[in-house]
Amino acid sequence: MLFAEALKALHEGEYLAREIWTGAEYIVHMPGMQYLWKILTQPNPNAGNWVPLVEDMIAEDWKIIQQVQPATPAVAPSA
């Protein structure tokens, strides 16, 4: 999928990633926000504003993520 198509899908509420990414990261556009979020689910879950690189904008390997896997805790909870 081209970046232009990926942007349209983001505005429709889809989660997206690139084929070359690790599988533990994706981007999302949250309603009411003026920017995109990149979510990293492993090894240490976090999120932050995402600005695409030129490489991302000319890439043709964008894909819709059908189901986002929940983050795995980096440290096991103590009893």
N, C-alpha and C. Protein backbone atom coordinates (compact mmCIF):
# COMPACT_ATOMS: atom_id res chain seq x y z
N MET A 1 0.85 -1.16 0.00
CA MET A 1 0.00 0.00 0.00
C MET A 1 0.90 1.24 0.00
N LEU A 2 0.53 2.24 -0.74
CA LEU A 2 1.26 3.50 -0.78
C LEU A 2 0.95 4.35 0.45
N PHE A 3 1.81 5.30 0.75
CA PHE A 3 1.64 6.16 1.92
C PHE A 3 0.34 6.95 1.85
N ALA A 4 -0.03 7.44 0.67
CA ALA A 4 -1.29 8.18 0.52
C ALA A 4 -2.48 7.30 0.91
N GLU A 5 -2.45 6.04 0.51
CA GLU A 5 -3.52 5.11 0.88
C GLU A 5 -3.48 4.82 2.38
N ALA A 6 -2.28 4.74 2.93
CA ALA A 6 -2.12 4.50 4.36
C ALA A 6 -2.71 5.65 5.16
N LEU A 7 -2.47 6.89 4.73
CA LEU A 7 -3.03 8.04 5.43
C LEU A 7 -4.55 8.01 5.43
N LYS A 8 -5.13 7.65 4.30
CA LYS A 8 -6.59 7.54 4.22
C LYS A 8 -7.10 6.49 5.20
N ALA A 9 -6.42 5.35 5.25
CA ALA A 9 -6.81 4.28 6.18
C ALA A 9 -6.67 4.74 7.63
N LEU A 10 -5.62 5.52 7.94
CA LEU A 10 -5.45 6.04 9.29
C LEU A 10 -6.63 6.92 9.70
N HIS A 11 -7.07 7.76 8.77
CA HIS A 11 -8.21 8.64 9.06
C HIS A 11 -9.51 7.86 9.21
N GLU A 12 -9.53 6.65 8.69
CA GLU A 12 -10.71 5.79 8.85
C GLU A 12 -10.62 4.93 10.11
N GLY A 13 -9.55 5.11 10.89
CA GLY A 13 -9.42 4.42 12.17
C GLY A 13 -8.60 3.15 12.16
N GLU A 14 -7.93 2.86 11.05
CA GLU A 14 -7.12 1.64 10.96
C GLU A 14 -5.77 1.84 11.65
N TYR A 15 -5.18 0.73 12.10
CA TYR A 15 -3.81 0.69 12.59
C TYR A 15 -2.93 0.26 11.42
N LEU A 16 -1.77 0.89 11.28
CA LEU A 16 -0.90 0.60 10.14
C LEU A 16 0.54 0.35 10.56
N ALA A 17 1.23 -0.39 9.72
CA ALA A 17 2.65 -0.66 9.92
C ALA A 17 3.29 -0.87 8.56
N ARG A 18 4.61 -0.84 8.55
CA ARG A 18 5.36 -1.16 7.34
C ARG A 18 5.83 -2.60 7.44
N GLU A 19 5.95 -3.23 6.30
CA GLU A 19 6.42 -4.62 6.24
C GLU A 19 7.81 -4.77 6.87
N ILE A 20 8.65 -3.76 6.75
CA ILE A 20 10.02 -3.86 7.26
C ILE A 20 10.11 -3.63 8.76
N TRP A 21 9.02 -3.18 9.39
CA TRP A 21 9.05 -2.97 10.84
C TRP A 21 9.01 -4.32 11.55
N THR A 22 9.33 -4.32 12.83
CA THR A 22 9.53 -5.55 13.59
C THR A 22 8.27 -6.35 13.88
N GLY A 23 7.11 -5.76 13.72
CA GLY A 23 5.87 -6.43 14.10
C GLY A 23 5.41 -6.01 15.48
N ALA A 24 6.26 -5.31 16.20
CA ALA A 24 5.93 -4.84 17.54
C ALA A 24 5.67 -3.34 17.54
N GLU A 25 5.48 -2.75 16.36
CA GLU A 25 5.24 -1.32 16.28
C GLU A 25 4.22 -1.03 15.20
N TYR A 26 3.44 0.03 15.43
CA TYR A 26 2.43 0.43 14.47
C TYR A 26 2.11 1.91 14.69
N ILE A 27 1.40 2.52 13.74
CA ILE A 27 0.98 3.90 13.89
C ILE A 27 -0.54 3.97 13.89
N VAL A 28 -1.03 5.01 14.53
CA VAL A 28 -2.47 5.22 14.64
C VAL A 28 -2.74 6.72 14.70
N HIS A 29 -3.88 7.12 14.16
CA HIS A 29 -4.34 8.50 14.27
C HIS A 29 -5.53 8.51 15.22
N MET A 30 -5.39 9.19 16.34
CA MET A 30 -6.46 9.24 17.32
C MET A 30 -7.37 10.42 17.02
N PRO A 31 -8.68 10.20 17.04
CA PRO A 31 -9.63 11.27 16.74
C PRO A 31 -9.36 12.52 17.60
N GLY A 32 -9.41 13.67 16.95
CA GLY A 32 -9.19 14.93 17.65
C GLY A 32 -7.74 15.33 17.77
N MET A 33 -6.82 14.45 17.44
CA MET A 33 -5.39 14.76 17.52
C MET A 33 -4.91 15.33 16.19
N GLN A 34 -3.89 16.17 16.25
CA GLN A 34 -3.33 16.79 15.06
C GLN A 34 -2.07 16.07 14.57
N TYR A 35 -1.75 14.94 15.16
CA TYR A 35 -0.54 14.23 14.79
C TYR A 35 -0.78 12.73 14.87
N LEU A 36 0.19 11.98 14.40
CA LEU A 36 0.12 10.52 14.43
C LEU A 36 0.89 10.01 15.64
N TRP A 37 0.48 8.86 16.14
CA TRP A 37 1.17 8.19 17.23
C TRP A 37 1.84 6.94 16.70
N LYS A 38 3.07 6.70 17.13
CA LYS A 38 3.73 5.43 16.86
C LYS A 38 3.77 4.68 18.18
N ILE A 39 3.21 3.48 18.16
CA ILE A 39 3.11 2.66 19.36
C ILE A 39 4.12 1.53 19.25
N LEU A 40 4.89 1.35 20.29
CA LEU A 40 5.84 0.25 20.38
C LEU A 40 5.34 -0.67 21.49
N THR A 41 5.07 -1.93 21.16
CA THR A 41 4.50 -2.84 22.15
C THR A 41 5.54 -3.69 22.86
N GLN A 42 6.73 -3.84 22.28
CA GLN A 42 7.79 -4.64 22.90
C GLN A 42 9.14 -4.08 22.49
N PRO A 43 10.19 -4.17 23.21
CA PRO A 43 10.31 -4.84 24.51
C PRO A 43 9.79 -3.98 25.65
N ASN A 44 9.83 -2.65 25.51
CA ASN A 44 9.32 -1.75 26.56
C ASN A 44 8.22 -0.90 25.95
N PRO A 45 6.97 -1.21 26.26
CA PRO A 45 5.85 -0.49 25.64
C PRO A 45 5.94 1.02 25.85
N ASN A 46 5.71 1.76 24.77
CA ASN A 46 5.63 3.21 24.85
C ASN A 46 4.97 3.75 23.60
N ALA A 47 4.70 5.04 23.62
CA ALA A 47 4.08 5.70 22.47
C ALA A 47 4.61 7.12 22.39
N GLY A 48 4.57 7.65 21.18
CA GLY A 48 5.01 9.03 21.00
C GLY A 48 4.60 9.56 19.65
N ASN A 49 4.70 10.88 19.51
CA ASN A 49 4.40 11.50 18.22
C ASN A 49 5.29 10.90 17.16
N TRP A 50 4.75 10.73 15.97
CA TRP A 50 5.52 10.14 14.88
C TRP A 50 5.52 11.06 13.69
N VAL A 51 6.69 11.34 13.15
CA VAL A 51 6.85 12.12 11.94
C VAL A 51 7.50 11.21 10.90
N PRO A 52 6.82 10.97 9.78
CA PRO A 52 7.37 10.04 8.80
C PRO A 52 8.64 10.56 8.15
N LEU A 53 9.55 9.64 7.89
CA LEU A 53 10.75 9.94 7.12
C LEU A 53 10.39 9.93 5.64
N VAL A 54 11.23 10.50 4.81
CA VAL A 54 11.01 10.44 3.37
C VAL A 54 10.92 8.97 2.94
N GLU A 55 11.74 8.13 3.52
CA GLU A 55 11.72 6.69 3.22
C GLU A 55 10.32 6.11 3.47
N ASP A 56 9.68 6.53 4.55
CA ASP A 56 8.34 6.06 4.86
C ASP A 56 7.32 6.57 3.83
N MET A 57 7.48 7.82 3.41
CA MET A 57 6.51 8.42 2.49
C MET A 57 6.59 7.85 1.08
N ILE A 58 7.75 7.35 0.68
CA ILE A 58 7.87 6.79 -0.68
C ILE A 58 7.75 5.27 -0.68
N ALA A 59 7.62 4.69 0.51
CA ALA A 59 7.52 3.23 0.62
C ALA A 59 6.19 2.73 0.06
N GLU A 60 6.21 1.50 -0.41
CA GLU A 60 5.01 0.84 -0.95
C GLU A 60 4.66 -0.39 -0.14
N ASP A 61 5.21 -0.48 1.08
CA ASP A 61 5.01 -1.69 1.89
C ASP A 61 4.11 -1.46 3.12
N TRP A 62 3.28 -0.43 3.08
CA TRP A 62 2.35 -0.18 4.18
C TRP A 62 1.28 -1.26 4.22
N LYS A 63 0.86 -1.62 5.44
CA LYS A 63 -0.19 -2.63 5.57
C LYS A 63 -1.08 -2.28 6.76
N ILE A 64 -2.33 -2.70 6.68
CA ILE A 64 -3.27 -2.54 7.76
C ILE A 64 -3.06 -3.67 8.75
N ILE A 65 -3.00 -3.32 10.02
CA ILE A 65 -2.86 -4.32 11.08
C ILE A 65 -4.28 -4.68 11.52
N GLN A 66 -4.63 -5.93 11.37
CA GLN A 66 -5.99 -6.36 11.71
C GLN A 66 -6.23 -6.43 13.20
N GLN A 67 -5.23 -6.84 13.94
CA GLN A 67 -5.38 -6.97 15.39
C GLN A 67 -4.07 -6.59 16.04
N VAL A 68 -4.13 -5.65 16.95
CA VAL A 68 -2.94 -5.22 17.66
C VAL A 68 -2.76 -6.12 18.87
N GLN A 69 -1.58 -6.71 18.98
CA GLN A 69 -1.27 -7.60 20.10
C GLN A 69 -1.01 -6.77 21.35
N PRO A 70 -1.54 -7.17 22.49
CA PRO A 70 -1.26 -6.43 23.72
C PRO A 70 0.22 -6.53 24.09
N ALA A 71 0.68 -5.54 24.78
CA ALA A 71 2.08 -5.51 25.20
C ALA A 71 2.36 -6.59 26.22
N THR A 72 3.55 -7.17 26.12
CA THR A 72 4.02 -8.13 27.10
C THR A 72 4.85 -7.38 28.12
N PRO A 73 4.56 -7.52 29.41
CA PRO A 73 5.35 -6.79 30.41
C PRO A 73 6.84 -7.14 30.30
N ALA A 74 7.69 -6.11 30.40
CA ALA A 74 9.13 -6.33 30.33
C ALA A 74 9.62 -7.00 31.62
N VAL A 75 8.93 -6.75 32.73
CA VAL A 75 9.31 -7.32 34.01
C VAL A 75 8.07 -8.01 34.57
N ALA A 76 8.25 -9.23 35.03
CA ALA A 76 7.12 -9.97 35.60
C ALA A 76 6.65 -9.28 36.88
N PRO A 77 5.32 -9.18 37.07
CA PRO A 77 4.82 -8.55 38.29
C PRO A 77 5.24 -9.34 39.53
N SER A 78 5.56 -8.60 40.58
CA SER A 78 5.97 -9.28 41.81
C SER A 78 4.73 -9.65 42.62
N ALA A 79 4.86 -10.72 43.40
CA ALA A 79 3.72 -11.21 44.20
C ALA A 79 3.61 -10.47 45.50
